[in-house]
Amino acid sequence: YQRRVRADFDAHPESRVVFLKITEDAIGDMPLPKLPLSTVFKENRYGHVSWSRFADFKRKRLEIKWLKTRLFEFIPRHPYVIFMDSDILIGQPLGPFIEHCYSRQQQPGGDAVVTLFTDIGHTASPYHTGVVWFSRTASVELLAVWGVTISRGVFPSDQRAIEYSIKKLDAVDRVAFAQIDDATRFFCFVNGSVVDTRTPYTFVHTTHYRLLNGPKFGFTNETLSAYFDEALNTPWKPWTGATSMSFEERVQQIDNLIRLKGEEIDRLKAAPFQRPTMIAAREVVYNELLEQRRQLFANHTESAPEPAKQLL
C-alpha cells in the first residue's frame, strides 16, 4: 500500500506507518465480510433467553472488527503484533508491556494463543479485546476460527465471538492475561480517580460512553483535558457533547434515537413471547426522548432572535 500512502497522505518513504483506506466494502485491498442482514443472536446473560435483530450500525461495526483476525496479512514479517482499538490512548512506554507479554507466552496448556486483559467492563465476557497481543505461530488457528465466527454474525460483539472460538478450540488454558494493577499500570478505563491523580497508564481506554458521561465516572471535560495534557502528553480537548452540535444536528440525533427506540418497542410487541416489564421500561425511555425533543425546540425558540422566532 506504499504507493497509495505516499499519494494520499504524503508519507515519508521510510515511514513505518501505513494507512489503509476503509470503505463500505474493503479495508485496503481486502474485501470485508458481509454479515447476514437478518442476523439474530441468542443471549443468556441475565438468566433468560432473548432474540434480537442486528441493527445496521452493529453489523457494520462487526465487519470492521473482523480486521483484528487478519492482522498478520497486513504485517507480513513480524512474529508478534499488538492490536489496539482507536479509543485507546498510550500514556507510558510500551517496552515493559511487551516484556510482560513475552513472559506470559508459556501457559498451562502450551504456548499462549492470545494475551489480553480481563474485561472489567459490562460485556459479560471475560476477555477485553481493545488491546490484544497475538503470536504469528501460536495464534493462527484462533484467528482463523475467530474470523469465521465474526463473519457468521452469530454473536453481537467480537468479544463474545472470541470467547466462543477459544472454547471451540479447547484453548481456555492457553489464554494469557496481562496484569491489571497499580504496580504495572498497564491498563485502565478513564475514570475520576485516574484523572484527578494525573496517573499515566500504558493503555487508557477512553470509551465514547465514558467521554459523554463524565460526571457518572467522576470527571469533567476540564479535568479530563488536563489529564490528557499533563499525564498523557496529548493536547486534545474532549468533545463537549451536544453543545458542540448545531440545532439541526441535535434534532437529527434525537430523531434517530426516537426512531430506533420505537422500532425496538414494535419488535418486542410483535414477539411471540410478551415481556410487559421490558416493553414498559423502553416506553419510559421513548417518552423521555420525546420530552427531550420538545425541550430542545423550546430552548431553541427562547434563544432565537425575534425574526427567527416568527419563522419557528
Protein backbone atom coordinates (compact mmCIF):
# COMPACT_ATOMS: atom_id res chain seq x y z
CA TYR A 1 0.00 0.00 0.00
CA GLN A 2 3.01 2.29 -0.02
CA ARG A 3 2.19 3.92 -3.35
CA ARG A 4 -1.32 4.78 -2.17
CA VAL A 5 0.01 6.07 1.15
CA ARG A 6 2.52 8.41 -0.46
CA ALA A 7 -0.06 9.75 -2.90
CA ASP A 8 -2.85 10.32 -0.39
CA PHE A 9 -1.04 11.16 2.83
CA ASP A 10 2.37 12.42 1.69
CA ALA A 11 4.05 9.87 3.97
CA HIS A 12 7.83 9.78 4.16
CA PRO A 13 9.28 6.93 2.02
CA GLU A 14 10.95 5.45 5.12
CA SER A 15 7.86 5.76 7.29
CA ARG A 16 6.87 2.66 9.25
CA VAL A 17 3.29 3.94 9.46
CA VAL A 18 0.97 2.56 6.80
CA PHE A 19 -2.51 3.99 6.23
CA LEU A 20 -5.25 1.72 4.93
CA LYS A 21 -8.37 3.18 3.39
CA ILE A 22 -11.60 1.83 4.87
CA THR A 23 -14.56 1.89 2.51
CA GLU A 24 -18.02 0.31 2.63
CA ASP A 25 -16.65 -2.87 1.09
CA ALA A 26 -12.96 -3.17 1.90
CA ILE A 27 -10.02 -2.36 4.14
CA GLY A 28 -7.17 -1.51 1.81
CA ASP A 29 -7.48 -4.15 -0.91
CA MET A 30 -9.04 -6.75 1.40
CA PRO A 31 -12.81 -7.23 1.00
CA LEU A 32 -14.86 -7.03 4.18
CA PRO A 33 -17.16 -9.92 5.07
CA LYS A 34 -20.85 -9.20 4.66
CA LEU A 35 -22.77 -10.29 7.72
CA PRO A 36 -26.31 -11.57 7.07
CA LEU A 37 -28.94 -8.84 7.11
CA SER A 38 -31.33 -10.93 9.18
CA THR A 39 -28.79 -11.99 11.78
CA VAL A 40 -30.24 -12.85 15.16
CA PHE A 41 -28.39 -13.92 18.27
CA LYS A 42 -29.40 -15.80 21.37
CA GLU A 43 -28.20 -14.37 24.65
CA ASN A 44 -28.40 -15.86 28.12
CA ARG A 45 -26.87 -13.04 30.12
CA TYR A 46 -29.33 -12.36 32.90
CA GLY A 47 -30.88 -15.79 33.28
CA HIS A 48 -33.25 -15.51 30.32
CA VAL A 49 -33.03 -16.07 26.58
CA SER A 50 -33.66 -13.19 24.22
CA TRP A 51 -33.59 -12.81 20.46
CA SER A 52 -32.77 -9.62 18.63
CA ARG A 53 -32.02 -8.47 15.13
CA PHE A 54 -28.74 -6.73 14.43
CA ALA A 55 -29.03 -3.01 13.79
CA ASP A 56 -27.15 -1.89 10.66
CA PHE A 57 -24.52 0.02 12.64
CA LYS A 58 -23.77 -3.03 14.81
CA ARG A 59 -23.35 -5.21 11.76
CA LYS A 60 -21.01 -2.68 10.16
CA ARG A 61 -19.03 -2.40 13.37
CA LEU A 62 -18.51 -6.16 13.46
CA GLU A 63 -17.42 -6.19 9.84
CA ILE A 64 -14.70 -3.68 10.73
CA LYS A 65 -13.71 -5.61 13.87
CA TRP A 66 -13.14 -8.66 11.67
CA LEU A 67 -9.91 -6.87 10.68
CA LYS A 68 -8.40 -7.99 14.02
CA THR A 69 -8.35 -11.56 12.74
CA ARG A 70 -6.31 -10.65 9.65
CA LEU A 71 -3.54 -8.58 11.21
CA PHE A 72 -0.67 -10.80 10.11
CA GLU A 73 -1.76 -10.41 6.49
CA PHE A 74 -1.17 -6.65 6.83
CA ILE A 75 2.05 -7.10 8.83
CA PRO A 76 3.85 -9.90 6.99
CA ARG A 77 7.26 -10.08 8.67
CA HIS A 78 6.81 -9.69 12.42
CA PRO A 79 6.40 -12.68 14.80
CA TYR A 80 4.11 -10.75 17.17
CA VAL A 81 1.58 -7.94 16.82
CA ILE A 82 -0.34 -5.73 19.27
CA PHE A 83 -3.79 -4.57 18.23
CA MET A 84 -5.33 -1.51 19.90
CA ASP A 85 -8.80 -0.04 19.44
CA SER A 86 -8.92 3.54 18.17
CA ASP A 87 -10.16 4.82 21.56
CA ILE A 88 -7.07 3.54 23.39
CA LEU A 89 -4.52 6.18 24.41
CA ILE A 90 -0.91 5.31 25.24
CA GLY A 91 0.46 7.01 28.36
CA GLN A 92 3.66 5.05 29.09
CA PRO A 93 6.45 3.39 27.05
CA LEU A 94 5.37 0.05 25.60
CA GLY A 95 8.63 -1.74 26.47
CA PRO A 96 7.56 -3.10 29.89
CA PHE A 97 4.24 -4.32 28.49
CA ILE A 98 5.96 -6.09 25.59
CA GLU A 99 8.37 -7.79 28.00
CA HIS A 100 5.40 -8.79 30.15
CA CYS A 101 3.68 -10.39 27.12
CA TYR A 102 6.85 -12.30 26.29
CA SER A 103 6.94 -13.63 29.85
CA ARG A 104 3.33 -14.82 29.56
CA GLN A 105 3.86 -16.91 26.41
CA GLN A 106 4.04 -20.20 28.31
CA GLN A 107 0.65 -21.22 29.70
CA PRO A 108 -0.52 -24.46 31.38
CA GLY A 109 -1.88 -25.77 28.09
CA GLY A 110 1.08 -24.71 25.94
CA ASP A 111 2.02 -21.59 24.02
CA ALA A 112 -0.44 -18.74 24.60
CA VAL A 113 -2.92 -18.39 21.74
CA VAL A 114 -3.58 -14.78 22.80
CA THR A 115 -2.59 -12.32 25.52
CA LEU A 116 -5.15 -9.76 26.64
CA PHE A 117 -6.69 -8.08 29.65
CA THR A 118 -9.60 -9.35 31.71
CA ASP A 119 -12.68 -7.35 30.79
CA ILE A 120 -13.66 -5.09 33.69
CA GLY A 121 -16.49 -3.51 31.70
CA HIS A 122 -20.06 -4.69 31.19
CA THR A 123 -19.90 -7.10 28.24
CA ALA A 124 -20.34 -10.31 30.29
CA SER A 125 -17.26 -11.67 28.52
CA PRO A 126 -14.01 -12.49 30.36
CA TYR A 127 -11.89 -11.10 27.52
CA HIS A 128 -11.18 -7.45 26.74
CA THR A 129 -10.32 -7.18 23.04
CA GLY A 130 -9.38 -3.49 22.98
CA VAL A 131 -5.69 -4.36 23.47
CA VAL A 132 -4.62 -7.78 22.20
CA TRP A 133 -1.20 -9.47 21.70
CA PHE A 134 -1.01 -12.17 19.02
CA SER A 135 1.71 -14.62 18.01
CA ARG A 136 2.16 -15.49 14.33
CA THR A 137 2.71 -19.16 15.17
CA ALA A 138 0.58 -19.78 18.27
CA SER A 139 -2.43 -17.58 17.37
CA VAL A 140 -3.01 -18.66 13.77
CA GLU A 141 -5.74 -21.24 14.49
CA LEU A 142 -7.58 -18.96 16.91
CA LEU A 143 -7.51 -16.06 14.45
CA ALA A 144 -8.97 -18.28 11.72
CA VAL A 145 -11.83 -19.56 13.89
CA TRP A 146 -12.47 -16.10 15.35
CA GLY A 147 -12.69 -14.58 11.87
CA VAL A 148 -15.21 -17.18 10.69
CA THR A 149 -17.26 -16.79 13.89
CA ILE A 150 -17.45 -13.00 13.48
CA SER A 151 -18.34 -13.24 9.78
CA ARG A 152 -21.24 -15.60 10.50
CA GLY A 153 -22.85 -12.92 12.66
CA VAL A 154 -23.83 -15.30 15.44
CA PHE A 155 -22.66 -13.03 18.26
CA PRO A 156 -23.31 -9.31 18.92
CA SER A 157 -19.66 -8.48 19.68
CA ASP A 158 -16.17 -9.63 18.79
CA GLN A 159 -15.60 -10.34 22.50
CA ARG A 160 -18.38 -12.89 22.62
CA ALA A 161 -17.08 -14.33 19.34
CA ILE A 162 -13.54 -14.82 20.65
CA GLU A 163 -14.92 -16.37 23.85
CA TYR A 164 -16.79 -18.93 21.73
CA SER A 165 -13.74 -19.51 19.49
CA ILE A 166 -11.44 -20.18 22.45
CA LYS A 167 -13.89 -22.72 23.89
CA LYS A 168 -14.35 -24.34 20.48
CA LEU A 169 -10.59 -24.88 20.23
CA ASP A 170 -10.46 -26.10 23.85
CA ALA A 171 -7.80 -23.44 24.44
CA VAL A 172 -9.05 -21.80 27.65
CA ASP A 173 -5.86 -22.89 29.43
CA ARG A 174 -3.77 -21.27 26.66
CA VAL A 175 -5.13 -17.75 27.18
CA ALA A 176 -2.67 -15.39 28.88
CA PHE A 177 -3.99 -12.46 30.92
CA ALA A 178 -1.90 -9.32 31.23
CA GLN A 179 -1.71 -7.78 34.70
CA ILE A 180 -4.08 -5.04 35.78
CA ASP A 181 -2.72 -3.47 38.96
CA ASP A 182 -1.31 -0.26 40.41
CA ALA A 183 2.26 -1.51 40.19
CA THR A 184 2.48 -2.06 36.43
CA ARG A 185 -0.25 0.42 35.42
CA PHE A 186 -0.70 -1.34 32.10
CA PHE A 187 -4.42 -0.69 31.65
CA CYS A 188 -7.37 1.32 32.93
CA PHE A 189 -10.68 2.74 31.82
CA VAL A 190 -10.75 6.51 32.11
CA ASN A 191 -12.32 7.46 35.47
CA GLY A 192 -12.24 10.15 38.14
CA SER A 193 -9.52 8.67 40.35
CA VAL A 194 -7.16 8.25 37.40
CA VAL A 195 -7.92 11.71 36.06
CA ASP A 196 -7.63 13.54 39.40
CA THR A 197 -4.30 11.94 40.35
CA ARG A 198 -2.87 12.55 36.85
CA THR A 199 -1.72 8.91 36.83
CA PRO A 200 -0.34 7.73 33.48
CA TYR A 201 -1.17 4.20 32.30
CA THR A 202 0.25 2.29 29.35
CA PHE A 203 -3.23 1.91 27.84
CA VAL A 204 -6.08 4.25 28.78
CA HIS A 205 -9.43 3.17 27.36
CA THR A 206 -11.38 6.36 26.64
CA THR A 207 -14.67 4.90 25.52
CA HIS A 208 -17.27 7.06 23.80
CA TYR A 209 -19.78 6.32 26.54
CA ARG A 210 -17.44 7.45 29.31
CA LEU A 211 -16.41 10.63 27.49
CA LEU A 212 -20.04 11.65 27.17
CA ASN A 213 -20.90 10.72 30.76
CA GLY A 214 -18.00 12.23 32.70
CA PRO A 215 -19.95 13.07 35.90
CA LYS A 216 -21.07 9.45 36.18
CA PHE A 217 -17.42 8.36 36.21
CA GLY A 218 -16.09 11.20 38.37
CA PHE A 219 -14.55 13.66 35.91
CA THR A 220 -15.42 16.76 33.92
CA ASN A 221 -14.29 17.90 30.49
CA GLU A 222 -11.90 20.34 32.17
CA THR A 223 -10.21 17.76 34.42
CA LEU A 224 -10.09 15.26 31.57
CA SER A 225 -8.43 17.80 29.28
CA ALA A 226 -5.82 18.48 31.97
CA TYR A 227 -5.22 14.74 32.37
CA PHE A 228 -4.71 14.26 28.64
CA ASP A 229 -2.34 17.20 28.50
CA GLU A 230 -0.29 16.58 31.66
CA ALA A 231 -0.30 12.80 32.10
CA LEU A 232 -0.63 11.54 28.53
CA ASN A 233 1.01 14.45 26.69
CA THR A 234 -2.00 14.52 24.40
CA PRO A 235 -3.28 18.10 23.95
CA TRP A 236 -6.76 17.06 22.96
CA LYS A 237 -9.97 18.73 24.06
CA PRO A 238 -12.72 16.16 24.58
CA TRP A 239 -15.94 16.60 22.67
CA THR A 240 -18.31 18.58 24.83
CA GLY A 241 -21.37 16.67 23.72
CA ALA A 242 -24.48 18.15 22.19
CA THR A 243 -23.42 21.73 22.96
CA SER A 244 -20.85 21.49 20.15
CA MET A 245 -23.51 20.43 17.63
CA SER A 246 -25.79 22.65 15.62
CA PHE A 247 -29.50 22.71 16.39
CA GLU A 248 -30.26 20.76 13.21
CA GLU A 249 -27.69 18.09 14.12
CA ARG A 250 -29.12 17.70 17.60
CA VAL A 251 -32.65 17.35 16.19
CA GLN A 252 -31.45 14.70 13.74
CA GLN A 253 -29.61 12.84 16.50
CA ILE A 254 -32.59 12.71 18.85
CA ASP A 255 -34.98 11.84 16.00
CA ASN A 256 -32.77 8.86 15.17
CA LEU A 257 -32.83 7.74 18.80
CA ILE A 258 -36.63 8.09 18.91
CA ARG A 259 -36.99 6.09 15.69
CA LEU A 260 -34.68 3.28 16.88
CA LYS A 261 -36.38 3.06 20.27
CA GLY A 262 -39.80 2.98 18.61
CA GLU A 263 -38.70 0.15 16.30
CA GLU A 264 -37.37 -1.77 19.29
CA ILE A 265 -40.71 -1.42 21.11
CA ASP A 266 -42.59 -2.56 18.00
CA ARG A 267 -40.39 -5.66 17.72
CA LEU A 268 -40.96 -6.53 21.37
CA LYS A 269 -44.72 -6.13 21.00
CA ALA A 270 -44.70 -8.33 17.89
CA ALA A 271 -42.65 -11.09 19.57
CA PRO A 272 -44.44 -14.39 20.29
CA PHE A 273 -43.50 -14.16 23.97
CA GLN A 274 -44.63 -10.91 25.52
CA ARG A 275 -42.44 -9.16 28.11
CA PRO A 276 -44.57 -6.32 29.53
CA THR A 277 -41.88 -5.21 32.01
CA MET A 278 -39.28 -4.89 29.27
CA ILE A 279 -41.73 -3.06 26.99
CA ALA A 280 -42.73 -0.67 29.78
CA ALA A 281 -39.09 0.18 30.52
CA ARG A 282 -38.41 1.00 26.89
CA GLU A 283 -41.58 3.07 26.62
CA VAL A 284 -40.31 5.16 29.55
CA VAL A 285 -37.09 5.83 27.63
CA TYR A 286 -39.12 6.57 24.47
CA ASN A 287 -41.24 9.16 26.29
CA GLU A 288 -38.14 10.72 27.83
CA LEU A 289 -36.66 11.13 24.35
CA LEU A 290 -39.86 12.79 23.17
CA GLU A 291 -39.65 15.18 26.11
CA GLN A 292 -36.00 15.94 25.33
CA ARG A 293 -37.01 16.78 21.76
CA ARG A 294 -39.82 19.05 22.96
CA GLN A 295 -37.44 20.78 25.40
CA LEU A 296 -34.81 21.15 22.68
CA PHE A 297 -37.24 23.05 20.48
CA ALA A 298 -38.48 25.12 23.42
CA ASN A 299 -34.95 26.19 24.40
CA HIS A 300 -34.06 26.95 20.81
CA THR A 301 -37.16 29.13 20.42
CA GLU A 302 -36.33 31.09 23.59
CA SER A 303 -32.76 31.77 22.49
CA ALA A 304 -33.59 32.61 18.87
CA PRO A 305 -33.75 36.26 17.69
CA GLU A 306 -37.22 37.76 17.15
CA PRO A 307 -37.33 37.25 13.33
CA ALA A 308 -36.23 33.64 13.78
CA LYS A 309 -38.91 33.07 16.45
CA GLN A 310 -41.55 34.14 13.97
CA LEU A 311 -40.19 31.63 11.45
CA LEU A 312 -40.22 28.88 14.08
